Amino acid sequence: MIKKLLSFIILFLITFNIGALQLGDTVPNFKAVTTEGDITFNDYAKGSWVLLFSHPGDFTPVCTTELARVAYLQPDFQARNVKLLGLSVDSLEDHKEWVPHVNAFKDIIDPIEKRPNVAYPIIADKDLNIAKIFNMIHPNANPNESAFGLKKKATIRSVYIIDDKQKIQTILTYPMHVGRNFDEILRTIDALQLAEKVSIATPANWHNGDMVVVPNYITNDMIEEKYGTKDFVEYQTYLRMIKQPK
């Protein structure tokens, strides 16, 4: 009972912009109407990571390319135990009418290797209830809205990477006119999941298989026991790297 009351209070505060979700916060449960049927977040997310991402509007150019890229990468997200969840303030009917356009563009990305069509739910958030929880409405960030034909409130390009404990691990925010790099989002998920598994950090421009950073709380004497190797490179006393542990 206390947990439910606390969750309600948090949801109330966030919805009315009294607070904002931050890194490390637990995502409050919410209900949503989607292209894959009605969902509750806790049930949908259970046991998985979630990539929640908003787009400004259906039948718009940049959004079509983005959701097509996400569709193309569905097997890559699935391999990382990541469920996908899109969102905009458009209607469910608009979403369903637009999805074939997204699938058509997805096939243009790689006409040889056929990838699955959109199989992830897209939330129809017409009342802005979920967008407000995640602070996805930025009224002063829409200088190009007329160029996209958006005459109503629209969500910006928000990204939330949520772990399997339903805690927020990454927040990214892009304006309407800049499409996102979802390969970079996959790279970020790789870094987050590796850090959770073996307690390391990742340096700038890291990719899977590159050298990783030893946290400062681990002394040189502890490296072999912690990571199973004696080999490390010490660039500074506070900057040491090892080969990526398995």
Protein backbone atom coordinates (compact mmCIF):
# COMPACT_ATOMS: atom_id res chain seq x y z
CA MET A 1 0.00 0.00 0.00
CA ILE A 2 2.79 2.42 0.92
CA LYS A 3 4.66 1.54 -2.29
CA LYS A 4 1.58 2.22 -4.41
CA LEU A 5 0.97 5.54 -2.64
CA LEU A 6 4.60 6.59 -3.14
CA SER A 7 4.42 5.65 -6.82
CA PHE A 8 1.23 7.71 -7.20
CA ILE A 9 2.81 10.75 -5.53
CA ILE A 10 5.89 10.54 -7.77
CA LEU A 11 3.69 10.18 -10.86
CA PHE A 12 1.59 13.20 -9.79
CA LEU A 13 4.64 15.39 -9.19
CA ILE A 14 6.23 14.48 -12.52
CA THR A 15 3.02 14.82 -14.52
CA PHE A 16 2.56 18.40 -13.34
CA ASN A 17 6.24 19.22 -13.90
CA ILE A 18 6.97 19.54 -10.19
CA GLY A 19 9.78 17.06 -10.62
CA ALA A 20 11.58 15.40 -13.51
CA LEU A 21 12.88 11.90 -13.99
CA GLN A 22 16.66 11.68 -13.73
CA LEU A 23 19.39 9.06 -14.09
CA GLY A 24 18.99 6.33 -11.52
CA ASP A 25 15.29 7.00 -10.97
CA THR A 26 12.80 4.14 -11.20
CA VAL A 27 10.29 4.63 -13.99
CA PRO A 28 6.78 4.96 -12.52
CA ASN A 29 4.27 2.48 -13.86
CA PHE A 30 1.92 3.82 -16.54
CA LYS A 31 -0.75 2.54 -18.88
CA ALA A 32 -0.57 3.20 -22.61
CA VAL A 33 -2.54 2.67 -25.80
CA THR A 34 -0.21 1.29 -28.48
CA THR A 35 -0.19 -0.19 -31.95
CA GLU A 36 0.31 -3.59 -30.29
CA GLY A 37 -2.60 -3.20 -27.87
CA ASP A 38 -2.94 -1.67 -24.42
CA ILE A 39 0.05 -2.14 -22.11
CA THR A 40 1.21 -1.30 -18.62
CA PHE A 41 4.87 -0.40 -18.46
CA ASN A 42 5.79 -2.72 -15.58
CA ASP A 43 4.30 -5.74 -17.34
CA TYR A 44 5.86 -4.84 -20.68
CA ALA A 45 9.30 -4.18 -19.22
CA LYS A 46 9.45 -7.10 -16.79
CA GLY A 47 12.82 -8.88 -17.04
CA SER A 48 14.07 -6.76 -19.95
CA TRP A 49 15.80 -3.51 -20.70
CA VAL A 50 13.64 -0.95 -22.51
CA LEU A 51 14.45 1.73 -25.07
CA LEU A 52 11.70 4.34 -24.83
CA PHE A 53 11.97 6.96 -27.57
CA SER A 54 9.63 9.71 -28.72
CA HIS A 55 9.27 11.27 -32.15
CA PRO A 56 7.62 14.60 -33.07
CA GLY A 57 5.00 13.34 -35.50
CA ASP A 58 3.75 10.67 -37.90
CA PHE A 59 4.02 11.26 -41.65
CA THR A 60 7.08 13.48 -41.16
CA PRO A 61 10.40 12.93 -42.96
CA VAL A 62 12.98 12.55 -40.20
CA CYS A 63 10.70 10.44 -38.02
CA THR A 64 10.05 8.02 -40.88
CA THR A 65 13.78 7.44 -41.32
CA GLU A 66 14.28 7.01 -37.57
CA LEU A 67 11.56 4.46 -36.93
CA ALA A 68 12.66 2.59 -40.06
CA ARG A 69 16.19 2.39 -38.67
CA VAL A 70 14.87 1.11 -35.34
CA ALA A 71 12.84 -1.54 -37.20
CA TYR A 72 15.96 -2.55 -39.15
CA LEU A 73 17.88 -2.93 -35.88
CA GLN A 74 15.20 -4.93 -34.06
CA PRO A 75 17.25 -8.17 -34.03
CA ASP A 76 20.23 -6.26 -32.58
CA PHE A 77 18.15 -4.86 -29.73
CA GLN A 78 16.56 -8.25 -29.11
CA ALA A 79 20.02 -9.84 -28.84
CA ARG A 80 20.73 -7.43 -25.97
CA ASN A 81 17.43 -8.20 -24.19
CA VAL A 82 16.12 -4.72 -25.01
CA LYS A 83 12.45 -4.11 -25.76
CA LEU A 84 11.51 -1.13 -27.91
CA LEU A 85 8.77 1.39 -27.16
CA GLY A 86 8.06 4.35 -29.42
CA LEU A 87 5.84 7.32 -28.63
CA SER A 88 4.26 10.41 -30.13
CA VAL A 89 1.12 12.43 -29.48
CA ASP A 90 -0.50 11.24 -32.72
CA SER A 91 -3.57 9.01 -32.73
CA LEU A 92 -3.53 5.23 -32.86
CA GLU A 93 -5.20 5.41 -36.28
CA ASP A 94 -2.42 7.67 -37.60
CA HIS A 95 0.24 5.33 -36.21
CA LYS A 96 -1.29 2.32 -37.94
CA GLU A 97 -1.69 4.17 -41.23
CA TRP A 98 1.91 5.44 -41.09
CA VAL A 99 3.67 2.17 -40.16
CA PRO A 100 3.59 0.81 -43.78
CA HIS A 101 5.50 3.96 -44.85
CA VAL A 102 8.12 3.19 -42.18
CA ASN A 103 8.39 -0.42 -43.34
CA ALA A 104 8.81 0.68 -46.95
CA PHE A 105 11.70 2.97 -46.04
CA LYS A 106 13.22 0.23 -43.87
CA ASP A 107 13.51 -1.97 -46.96
CA ILE A 108 15.42 0.81 -48.74
CA ILE A 109 18.11 0.82 -46.02
CA ASP A 110 19.32 -2.59 -47.18
CA PRO A 111 17.34 -4.02 -50.13
CA ILE A 112 19.41 -7.24 -50.09
CA GLU A 113 19.16 -8.26 -46.43
CA LYS A 114 15.50 -8.36 -45.49
CA ARG A 115 14.87 -7.29 -41.90
CA PRO A 116 11.59 -7.64 -39.98
CA ASN A 117 8.89 -5.00 -40.25
CA VAL A 118 7.97 -2.79 -37.30
CA ALA A 119 7.05 -5.19 -34.50
CA TYR A 120 7.49 -2.89 -31.53
CA PRO A 121 4.62 -0.92 -29.94
CA ILE A 122 4.20 2.78 -30.66
CA ILE A 123 2.33 4.68 -27.96
CA ALA A 124 -0.52 6.98 -28.99
CA ASP A 125 -0.21 9.67 -26.31
CA LYS A 126 -2.92 12.05 -27.49
CA ASP A 127 -3.50 13.54 -24.03
CA LEU A 128 0.27 14.06 -23.44
CA ASN A 129 0.05 12.14 -20.17
CA ILE A 130 3.15 10.01 -20.75
CA ALA A 131 5.04 12.76 -22.57
CA LYS A 132 4.67 14.93 -19.46
CA ILE A 133 5.97 12.18 -17.18
CA PHE A 134 9.16 12.03 -19.26
CA ASN A 135 9.37 15.77 -19.99
CA MET A 136 9.11 15.19 -23.74
CA ILE A 137 7.29 18.45 -24.51
CA HIS A 138 9.69 21.40 -24.93
CA PRO A 139 7.60 24.33 -26.25
CA ASN A 140 10.61 26.60 -26.84
CA ALA A 141 12.53 23.98 -28.83
CA ASN A 142 10.34 23.98 -31.92
CA PRO A 143 11.70 26.70 -34.24
CA ASN A 144 11.36 24.36 -37.22
CA GLU A 145 7.91 23.00 -36.47
CA SER A 146 6.29 24.79 -39.40
CA ALA A 147 8.77 23.15 -41.77
CA PHE A 148 7.49 19.76 -40.62
CA GLY A 149 3.83 20.76 -40.80
CA LEU A 150 3.31 20.32 -37.06
CA LYS A 151 0.65 22.76 -35.90
CA LYS A 152 0.11 21.15 -32.51
CA LYS A 153 2.18 20.30 -29.49
CA ALA A 154 4.76 17.73 -30.43
CA THR A 155 7.27 15.61 -28.57
CA ILE A 156 10.95 16.24 -29.13
CA ARG A 157 13.33 13.35 -29.89
CA SER A 158 13.78 11.97 -26.38
CA VAL A 159 15.55 8.70 -25.57
CA TYR A 160 15.42 6.81 -22.29
CA ILE A 161 17.51 3.67 -21.80
CA ILE A 162 15.93 1.77 -18.91
CA ASP A 163 17.56 -1.29 -17.34
CA ASP A 164 15.92 -4.56 -16.29
CA LYS A 165 15.29 -3.15 -12.81
CA GLN A 166 13.30 -0.34 -14.48
CA LYS A 167 15.87 2.28 -13.54
CA ILE A 168 16.87 5.01 -15.99
CA GLN A 169 20.46 4.55 -17.14
CA THR A 170 20.70 7.09 -19.98
CA ILE A 171 18.73 10.14 -21.12
CA LEU A 172 19.30 11.69 -24.56
CA THR A 173 17.52 14.71 -26.04
CA TYR A 174 17.59 15.80 -29.68
CA PRO A 175 15.76 18.65 -31.44
CA MET A 176 13.18 18.01 -34.14
CA HIS A 177 15.48 18.62 -37.08
CA VAL A 178 18.32 16.27 -36.04
CA GLY A 179 17.83 12.56 -36.59
CA ARG A 180 19.28 10.19 -34.01
CA ASN A 181 22.10 7.68 -34.47
CA PHE A 182 20.61 4.41 -33.22
CA ASP A 183 23.91 2.60 -33.74
CA GLU A 184 25.31 4.95 -31.08
CA ILE A 185 22.39 4.02 -28.83
CA LEU A 186 23.27 0.34 -29.30
CA ARG A 187 26.89 1.20 -28.41
CA THR A 188 25.69 2.93 -25.25
CA ILE A 189 23.62 -0.11 -24.28
CA ASP A 190 26.68 -2.34 -24.81
CA ALA A 191 28.71 -0.08 -22.51
CA LEU A 192 26.00 0.00 -19.84
CA GLN A 193 25.49 -3.76 -19.86
CA LEU A 194 29.23 -4.49 -19.81
CA ALA A 195 29.78 -2.08 -16.90
CA GLU A 196 26.97 -3.76 -14.97
CA LYS A 197 28.43 -7.21 -15.65
CA VAL A 198 32.14 -6.68 -14.91
CA SER A 199 32.45 -3.31 -13.09
CA ILE A 200 34.45 -1.32 -15.62
CA ALA A 201 34.08 2.05 -17.34
CA THR A 202 34.38 2.78 -21.06
CA PRO A 203 36.60 5.48 -22.59
CA ALA A 204 35.69 7.97 -25.29
CA ASN A 205 34.66 6.42 -28.61
CA TRP A 206 34.69 2.92 -27.10
CA HIS A 207 33.25 0.05 -29.13
CA ASN A 208 32.66 -3.55 -28.12
CA GLY A 209 36.03 -5.31 -27.89
CA ASP A 210 38.11 -2.19 -27.23
CA MET A 211 40.20 -1.56 -24.12
CA VAL A 212 38.20 -0.56 -21.04
CA VAL A 213 38.93 1.62 -18.02
CA VAL A 214 39.65 0.26 -14.54
CA PRO A 215 37.68 2.19 -11.88
CA ASN A 216 39.83 4.08 -9.39
CA TYR A 217 38.54 2.15 -6.38
CA ILE A 218 40.28 -0.95 -7.76
CA THR A 219 44.00 -0.90 -6.93
CA ASN A 220 46.72 -2.38 -9.14
CA ASP A 221 46.99 -5.34 -6.77
CA MET A 222 43.30 -6.10 -7.19
CA ILE A 223 43.25 -6.17 -11.00
CA GLU A 224 44.23 -9.82 -11.47
CA GLU A 225 41.71 -11.09 -8.93
CA LYS A 226 38.96 -8.84 -10.29
CA TYR A 227 39.49 -9.31 -14.02
CA GLY A 228 41.63 -12.44 -14.40
CA THR A 229 44.60 -10.64 -15.97
CA LYS A 230 47.88 -9.11 -14.80
CA ASP A 231 48.19 -6.98 -17.91
CA PHE A 232 47.12 -3.36 -17.73
CA VAL A 233 48.31 -0.08 -19.19
CA GLU A 234 48.84 2.82 -16.79
CA TYR A 235 48.65 6.15 -18.60
CA GLN A 236 48.26 8.06 -15.33
CA THR A 237 47.85 6.80 -11.78
CA TYR A 238 44.15 7.49 -12.21
CA LEU A 239 43.88 6.21 -15.82
CA ARG A 240 44.46 2.50 -16.33
CA MET A 241 43.12 0.25 -19.07
CA ILE A 242 42.78 -3.47 -19.64
CA LYS A 243 41.52 -5.64 -22.47
CA GLN A 244 37.77 -6.00 -22.35
CA PRO A 245 36.87 -8.85 -19.97
CA LYS A 246 34.58 -11.58 -21.27
